[in-house]
């Protein structure tokens, strides 16, 4: 048995390969096994999480957090992060 791995997208109940499949590998009527991988988080779950980041915080708390986030002065300076 030969194992061939190719990424595909399901479109209208048909899998479409994202990269070419060698001609002699798969043909009409050939049985194959599929493994479906789900993303760790669905897009709507990510959006919901992103919109709830500041939930329960006051305006001054949010302003302070954003001030810290936007301060890139020492972003790439390892010595600053290590307290040197």
N, C-alpha and C. Protein backbone atom coordinates (compact mmCIF):
# COMPACT_ATOMS: atom_id res chain seq x y z
N UNK A 1 0.85 -1.17 0.00
CA UNK A 1 0.00 0.00 0.00
C UNK A 1 0.90 1.24 0.00
N UNK A 2 0.54 2.24 -0.80
CA UNK A 2 1.25 3.50 -0.88
C UNK A 2 0.42 4.56 -0.18
N UNK A 3 1.07 5.39 0.63
CA UNK A 3 0.37 6.48 1.30
C UNK A 3 0.72 7.78 0.60
N UNK A 4 -0.29 8.49 0.17
CA UNK A 4 -0.12 9.78 -0.50
C UNK A 4 -0.91 10.81 0.29
N UNK A 5 -0.26 11.87 0.70
CA UNK A 5 -0.94 12.91 1.47
C UNK A 5 -1.08 14.16 0.62
N UNK A 6 -2.30 14.63 0.47
CA UNK A 6 -2.58 15.86 -0.28
C UNK A 6 -3.64 16.64 0.47
N UNK A 7 -3.50 17.97 0.51
CA UNK A 7 -4.52 18.82 1.10
C UNK A 7 -5.64 19.02 0.09
N UNK A 8 -6.86 19.09 0.59
CA UNK A 8 -8.02 19.28 -0.28
C UNK A 8 -9.05 20.13 0.44
N UNK A 9 -9.96 20.69 -0.34
CA UNK A 9 -11.04 21.52 0.19
C UNK A 9 -12.35 20.89 -0.26
N UNK A 10 -13.32 20.83 0.65
CA UNK A 10 -14.64 20.30 0.31
C UNK A 10 -15.46 21.43 -0.29
N UNK A 11 -15.89 21.26 -1.53
CA UNK A 11 -16.71 22.25 -2.23
C UNK A 11 -17.88 21.53 -2.88
N UNK A 12 -19.09 21.88 -2.47
CA UNK A 12 -20.31 21.29 -3.03
C UNK A 12 -20.25 19.77 -3.01
N UNK A 13 -19.92 19.21 -1.84
CA UNK A 13 -19.86 17.77 -1.61
C UNK A 13 -18.80 17.05 -2.43
N UNK A 14 -17.81 17.77 -2.93
CA UNK A 14 -16.72 17.16 -3.69
C UNK A 14 -15.40 17.70 -3.16
N UNK A 15 -14.43 16.81 -2.96
CA UNK A 15 -13.12 17.26 -2.52
C UNK A 15 -12.30 17.71 -3.71
N UNK A 16 -11.72 18.92 -3.60
CA UNK A 16 -10.85 19.46 -4.64
C UNK A 16 -9.44 19.51 -4.06
N UNK A 17 -8.50 18.81 -4.71
CA UNK A 17 -7.11 18.81 -4.25
C UNK A 17 -6.50 20.20 -4.43
N UNK A 18 -5.70 20.62 -3.46
CA UNK A 18 -5.05 21.92 -3.54
C UNK A 18 -3.72 21.85 -4.29
N UNK A 19 -3.18 20.66 -4.43
CA UNK A 19 -1.96 20.45 -5.21
C UNK A 19 -2.22 19.31 -6.18
N UNK A 20 -1.52 19.27 -7.30
CA UNK A 20 -1.74 18.20 -8.27
C UNK A 20 -1.46 16.82 -7.68
N UNK A 21 -2.22 15.84 -8.14
CA UNK A 21 -2.03 14.45 -7.72
C UNK A 21 -1.42 13.71 -8.91
N UNK A 22 -0.33 12.97 -8.69
CA UNK A 22 0.28 12.22 -9.80
C UNK A 22 -0.76 11.33 -10.49
N UNK A 23 -0.72 11.28 -11.81
CA UNK A 23 -1.73 10.58 -12.61
C UNK A 23 -1.96 9.13 -12.22
N UNK A 24 -0.92 8.39 -11.98
CA UNK A 24 -1.05 6.95 -11.75
C UNK A 24 -1.42 6.62 -10.30
N UNK A 25 -1.64 7.62 -9.46
CA UNK A 25 -1.88 7.37 -8.05
C UNK A 25 -3.35 7.17 -7.74
N UNK A 26 -4.21 8.04 -8.26
CA UNK A 26 -5.64 7.99 -7.96
C UNK A 26 -6.40 8.01 -9.28
N UNK A 27 -7.41 7.16 -9.38
CA UNK A 27 -8.21 7.12 -10.60
C UNK A 27 -9.67 6.94 -10.23
N UNK A 28 -10.58 7.19 -11.17
CA UNK A 28 -12.01 7.06 -10.92
C UNK A 28 -12.33 5.67 -10.37
N UNK A 29 -13.15 5.63 -9.34
CA UNK A 29 -13.55 4.37 -8.73
C UNK A 29 -12.59 3.86 -7.67
N UNK A 30 -11.47 4.54 -7.49
CA UNK A 30 -10.45 4.14 -6.52
C UNK A 30 -10.95 4.49 -5.11
N UNK A 31 -10.85 3.58 -4.18
CA UNK A 31 -11.23 3.84 -2.79
C UNK A 31 -10.09 4.56 -2.08
N UNK A 32 -10.44 5.55 -1.29
CA UNK A 32 -9.44 6.30 -0.53
C UNK A 32 -9.92 6.46 0.91
N UNK A 33 -9.01 6.78 1.81
CA UNK A 33 -9.37 7.12 3.19
C UNK A 33 -9.13 8.61 3.38
N UNK A 34 -10.03 9.25 4.09
CA UNK A 34 -9.90 10.68 4.35
C UNK A 34 -9.78 10.93 5.84
N UNK A 35 -8.96 11.89 6.20
CA UNK A 35 -8.85 12.35 7.59
C UNK A 35 -9.20 13.83 7.58
N UNK A 36 -10.24 14.20 8.31
CA UNK A 36 -10.68 15.59 8.36
C UNK A 36 -10.14 16.22 9.64
N UNK A 37 -9.43 17.33 9.49
CA UNK A 37 -8.88 18.04 10.63
C UNK A 37 -9.64 19.34 10.82
N UNK A 38 -10.17 19.54 12.02
CA UNK A 38 -10.88 20.77 12.32
C UNK A 38 -9.91 21.77 12.92
N UNK A 39 -10.11 23.07 12.64
CA UNK A 39 -9.25 24.07 13.27
C UNK A 39 -9.44 24.02 14.79
N UNK A 40 -8.43 24.43 15.53
CA UNK A 40 -8.52 24.41 16.98
C UNK A 40 -9.68 25.25 17.48
N UNK A 41 -9.88 26.40 16.85
CA UNK A 41 -10.99 27.27 17.22
C UNK A 41 -11.68 27.72 15.94
N UNK A 42 -12.99 27.75 15.97
CA UNK A 42 -13.74 28.23 14.82
C UNK A 42 -13.65 29.74 14.76
N UNK A 43 -13.73 30.35 13.57
CA UNK A 43 -13.60 31.80 13.44
C UNK A 43 -14.54 32.59 14.35
N UNK A 44 -15.79 32.14 14.50
CA UNK A 44 -16.72 32.90 15.36
C UNK A 44 -16.31 32.81 16.83
N UNK A 45 -15.67 31.71 17.24
CA UNK A 45 -15.17 31.59 18.62
C UNK A 45 -14.02 32.56 18.85
N UNK A 46 -13.15 32.71 17.85
CA UNK A 46 -12.03 33.64 17.96
C UNK A 46 -12.56 35.07 18.05
N UNK A 47 -13.54 35.41 17.21
CA UNK A 47 -14.13 36.74 17.24
C UNK A 47 -14.78 37.01 18.59
N UNK A 48 -15.51 36.04 19.11
CA UNK A 48 -16.17 36.20 20.40
C UNK A 48 -15.13 36.43 21.51
N UNK A 49 -14.04 35.68 21.46
CA UNK A 49 -12.98 35.85 22.45
C UNK A 49 -12.35 37.24 22.33
N UNK A 50 -12.09 37.67 21.11
CA UNK A 50 -11.47 38.98 20.89
C UNK A 50 -12.34 40.12 21.39
N UNK A 51 -13.65 40.00 21.23
CA UNK A 51 -14.55 41.07 21.65
C UNK A 51 -14.77 41.08 23.16
N UNK A 52 -14.36 40.04 23.86
CA UNK A 52 -14.58 40.00 25.31
C UNK A 52 -13.31 40.25 26.12
N UNK A 53 -12.22 40.64 25.45
CA UNK A 53 -10.94 40.83 26.13
C UNK A 53 -11.04 41.85 27.26
N UNK A 54 -11.75 42.95 27.02
CA UNK A 54 -11.85 44.02 28.01
C UNK A 54 -13.11 43.94 28.87
N UNK A 55 -13.84 42.86 28.78
CA UNK A 55 -15.09 42.72 29.55
C UNK A 55 -14.82 42.87 31.04
N UNK A 56 -15.61 43.72 31.69
CA UNK A 56 -15.50 43.91 33.13
C UNK A 56 -14.47 44.93 33.57
N UNK A 57 -13.72 45.51 32.62
CA UNK A 57 -12.72 46.51 32.98
C UNK A 57 -13.29 47.91 32.84
N UNK A 58 -12.79 48.82 33.64
CA UNK A 58 -13.22 50.22 33.56
C UNK A 58 -12.48 50.91 32.41
N UNK A 59 -12.96 52.07 32.00
CA UNK A 59 -12.30 52.83 30.93
C UNK A 59 -10.85 53.17 31.29
N UNK A 60 -10.57 53.62 32.53
CA UNK A 60 -9.17 53.88 32.89
C UNK A 60 -8.28 52.63 32.82
N UNK A 61 -8.82 51.48 33.21
CA UNK A 61 -8.05 50.23 33.14
C UNK A 61 -7.74 49.87 31.69
N UNK A 62 -8.74 50.02 30.82
CA UNK A 62 -8.55 49.73 29.40
C UNK A 62 -7.51 50.67 28.81
N UNK A 63 -7.60 51.96 29.15
CA UNK A 63 -6.64 52.95 28.65
C UNK A 63 -5.22 52.61 29.09
N UNK A 64 -5.05 52.18 30.32
CA UNK A 64 -3.72 51.82 30.84
C UNK A 64 -3.16 50.59 30.11
N UNK A 65 -4.00 49.60 29.88
CA UNK A 65 -3.57 48.40 29.16
C UNK A 65 -3.15 48.76 27.74
N UNK A 66 -3.95 49.57 27.06
CA UNK A 66 -3.63 49.94 25.68
C UNK A 66 -2.37 50.80 25.62
N UNK A 67 -2.14 51.62 26.61
CA UNK A 67 -0.92 52.43 26.67
C UNK A 67 0.30 51.50 26.75
N UNK A 68 0.23 50.49 27.58
CA UNK A 68 1.33 49.53 27.72
C UNK A 68 1.52 48.75 26.42
N UNK A 69 0.43 48.32 25.82
CA UNK A 69 0.50 47.54 24.57
C UNK A 69 1.15 48.34 23.46
N UNK A 70 0.82 49.62 23.36
CA UNK A 70 1.31 50.45 22.26
C UNK A 70 2.72 50.98 22.49
N UNK A 71 3.28 50.81 23.68
CA UNK A 71 4.64 51.27 23.97
C UNK A 71 5.63 50.25 23.40
N UNK A 72 6.21 50.58 22.25
CA UNK A 72 7.16 49.68 21.57
C UNK A 72 8.61 50.10 21.78
N UNK A 73 8.85 51.03 22.71
CA UNK A 73 10.19 51.57 22.91
C UNK A 73 11.22 50.48 23.16
N UNK A 74 10.89 49.48 23.96
CA UNK A 74 11.84 48.42 24.31
C UNK A 74 11.40 47.07 23.73
N UNK A 75 10.65 47.10 22.65
CA UNK A 75 10.07 45.87 22.10
C UNK A 75 11.13 44.82 21.75
N UNK A 76 12.24 45.25 21.12
CA UNK A 76 13.27 44.29 20.71
C UNK A 76 14.50 44.33 21.61
N UNK A 77 14.44 45.03 22.71
CA UNK A 77 15.59 45.18 23.60
C UNK A 77 15.54 44.12 24.70
N UNK A 78 16.30 43.05 24.52
CA UNK A 78 16.31 41.93 25.48
C UNK A 78 16.84 42.37 26.84
N UNK A 79 17.79 43.29 26.85
CA UNK A 79 18.38 43.73 28.12
C UNK A 79 17.32 44.37 29.01
N UNK A 80 16.41 45.14 28.40
CA UNK A 80 15.36 45.80 29.18
C UNK A 80 14.44 44.75 29.82
N UNK A 81 14.06 43.74 29.05
CA UNK A 81 13.17 42.70 29.58
C UNK A 81 13.83 41.89 30.68
N UNK A 82 15.13 41.76 30.61
CA UNK A 82 15.86 40.98 31.62
C UNK A 82 16.26 41.84 32.81
N UNK A 83 15.96 43.15 32.75
CA UNK A 83 16.30 44.04 33.85
C UNK A 83 17.79 44.35 33.94
N UNK A 84 18.49 44.28 32.81
CA UNK A 84 19.95 44.55 32.80
C UNK A 84 20.24 46.00 32.52
